[in-house]
Protein backbone atom coordinates (compact mmCIF):
# COMPACT_ATOMS: atom_id res chain seq x y z
CA UNK A 1 -11.37 -28.75 26.72
CA UNK A 2 -8.48 -26.33 27.11
CA UNK A 3 -6.83 -25.37 30.35
CA UNK A 4 -5.11 -22.12 31.24
CA UNK A 5 -2.36 -21.38 33.72
CA UNK A 6 -2.76 -17.96 35.27
CA UNK A 7 0.53 -16.35 36.21
CA UNK A 8 0.25 -13.87 39.07
CA UNK A 9 2.86 -11.14 39.13
CA UNK A 10 2.33 -10.38 42.83
CA UNK A 11 5.71 -10.15 44.54
CA UNK A 12 4.73 -12.98 46.90
CA UNK A 13 3.57 -15.56 44.37
CA UNK A 14 3.79 -16.59 40.75
CA UNK A 15 6.65 -17.33 38.40
CA UNK A 16 9.89 -15.42 38.91
CA UNK A 17 11.77 -16.69 35.87
CA UNK A 18 11.86 -19.37 33.20
CA UNK A 19 15.13 -20.71 31.83
CA UNK A 20 15.11 -22.03 28.28
CA UNK A 21 18.00 -24.37 27.47
CA UNK A 22 19.34 -23.83 23.96
CA UNK A 23 21.97 -25.62 21.92
CA UNK A 24 23.44 -22.45 20.36
CA UNK A 25 22.99 -19.24 22.36
CA UNK A 26 23.94 -16.89 19.51
CA UNK A 27 21.56 -18.54 17.04
CA UNK A 28 18.74 -18.53 19.59
CA UNK A 29 19.31 -14.88 20.55
CA UNK A 30 18.81 -13.88 16.91
CA UNK A 31 15.40 -15.61 16.97
CA UNK A 32 14.29 -14.61 20.48
CA UNK A 33 15.38 -10.93 20.25
CA UNK A 34 12.79 -10.32 17.53
CA UNK A 35 10.20 -12.69 19.03
CA UNK A 36 10.18 -11.02 22.46
CA UNK A 37 10.19 -7.51 20.95
CA UNK A 38 7.16 -8.50 18.85
CA UNK A 39 5.18 -9.53 21.95
CA UNK A 40 6.18 -6.44 23.92
CA UNK A 41 8.87 -7.82 26.24
CA UNK A 42 12.07 -5.89 27.01
CA UNK A 43 15.58 -7.25 26.71
CA UNK A 44 17.59 -7.30 29.93
CA UNK A 45 21.16 -8.43 30.18
CA UNK A 46 22.66 -10.28 27.24
CA UNK A 47 20.36 -13.32 27.32
CA UNK A 48 17.23 -12.26 29.22
CA UNK A 49 13.83 -10.76 28.54
CA UNK A 50 11.31 -9.34 31.00
CA UNK A 51 7.61 -8.51 31.18
CA UNK A 52 6.35 -7.23 34.52
CA UNK A 53 8.01 -9.34 37.20
CA UNK A 54 8.57 -12.39 34.97
CA UNK A 55 11.94 -12.98 33.36
CA UNK A 56 12.79 -15.51 30.65
CA UNK A 57 16.39 -16.19 29.95
CA UNK A 58 18.31 -18.41 27.57
CA UNK A 59 21.15 -20.65 28.64
CA UNK A 60 23.40 -22.62 26.33
CA UNK A 61 23.10 -26.27 27.30
CA UNK A 62 25.36 -29.21 26.61
CA UNK A 63 22.84 -31.83 25.48
CA UNK A 64 25.50 -34.55 25.64
CA UNK A 65 24.94 -34.46 29.42
CA UNK A 66 21.51 -35.93 28.77
CA UNK A 67 18.02 -34.77 28.01
CA UNK A 68 15.70 -33.76 30.80
CA UNK A 69 11.94 -33.73 31.02
CA UNK A 70 10.16 -30.44 31.47
CA UNK A 71 7.26 -28.34 30.33
CA UNK A 72 5.73 -29.31 26.99
CA UNK A 73 5.43 -25.71 25.83
CA UNK A 74 5.20 -22.09 26.97
CA UNK A 75 2.21 -19.95 26.01
CA UNK A 76 2.67 -16.18 25.98
CA UNK A 77 -0.33 -13.88 26.43
CA UNK A 78 -1.08 -11.56 23.49
CA UNK A 79 -2.78 -8.23 24.13
CA UNK A 80 -4.78 -8.52 20.90
CA UNK A 81 -5.21 -10.59 17.73
CA UNK A 82 -2.90 -8.24 15.84
CA UNK A 83 -0.04 -9.29 18.11
CA UNK A 84 -0.73 -12.96 17.32
CA UNK A 85 -0.74 -12.07 13.61
CA UNK A 86 2.58 -10.19 13.92
CA UNK A 87 4.16 -13.21 15.61
CA UNK A 88 2.78 -15.46 12.86
CA UNK A 89 4.33 -13.23 10.19
CA UNK A 90 7.64 -13.17 12.03
CA UNK A 91 7.71 -16.97 12.39
CA UNK A 92 6.94 -17.37 8.67
CA UNK A 93 9.97 -15.15 7.91
CA UNK A 94 12.34 -17.45 9.85
CA UNK A 95 13.53 -21.00 9.31
CA UNK A 96 11.61 -22.37 12.32
CA UNK A 97 8.64 -24.69 11.87
CA UNK A 98 5.11 -23.36 12.21
CA UNK A 99 2.76 -25.83 13.92
CA UNK A 100 -0.53 -24.01 13.35
CA UNK A 101 -2.10 -20.62 13.02
CA UNK A 102 -2.76 -17.94 13.45
CA UNK A 103 -6.24 -19.35 13.91
CA UNK A 104 -9.23 -19.58 16.24
CA UNK A 105 -9.38 -22.74 18.37
CA UNK A 106 -13.03 -22.85 19.53
CA UNK A 107 -12.56 -26.00 21.60
CA UNK A 108 -10.44 -23.93 24.01
CA UNK A 109 -12.85 -20.96 24.08
CA UNK A 110 -15.01 -19.26 21.42
CA UNK A 111 -12.44 -16.54 20.62
CA UNK A 112 -9.16 -18.30 21.49
CA UNK A 113 -6.77 -17.00 18.80
CA UNK A 114 -3.36 -18.61 18.66
CA UNK A 115 -0.18 -19.32 16.76
CA UNK A 116 2.00 -22.31 17.70
CA UNK A 117 5.55 -22.90 16.47
CA UNK A 118 8.96 -24.31 17.38
CA UNK A 119 12.01 -22.27 18.37
CA UNK A 120 15.38 -23.00 16.66
CA UNK A 121 15.95 -25.99 19.00
CA UNK A 122 12.48 -27.47 18.48
CA UNK A 123 10.91 -26.21 21.73
CA UNK A 124 7.18 -25.54 21.32
CA UNK A 125 5.99 -21.96 21.86
CA UNK A 126 2.52 -20.43 21.62
CA UNK A 127 1.19 -16.88 21.55
CA UNK A 128 -2.54 -16.61 22.26
CA UNK A 129 -5.25 -14.00 22.75
CA UNK A 130 -8.63 -14.59 24.37
CA UNK A 131 -10.64 -11.35 24.50
CA UNK A 132 -13.25 -12.67 26.92
CA UNK A 133 -10.45 -13.36 29.44
CA UNK A 134 -9.01 -9.80 29.46
């Protein structure tokens, strides 16, 4: 059974921002600039991207200071299957590893359409569309 996290963009609740630690900011910006444009997010500042009230930004991190535990992956909402397919094509054009998809995962919901992959540092990302949840 799959679980979903609903993110409310009400000014009084929800997620304000997500920081993604990266080993090489320049290398990651090359990847994420195209990724976020593909899923309809806008670039803000040098290292940030925004959709509604939610901001994701990249921060170069010195991993010699030690690894930390955190979220296993981030799933971005796709407005339609075509967006998932565009992300899949983009990921195939890069040197990052595709995990699965684009494909339907019926154990999550009958029309759950997803693509899962790693960013340049090996962080797991997902883009999914579920039409019955629109």
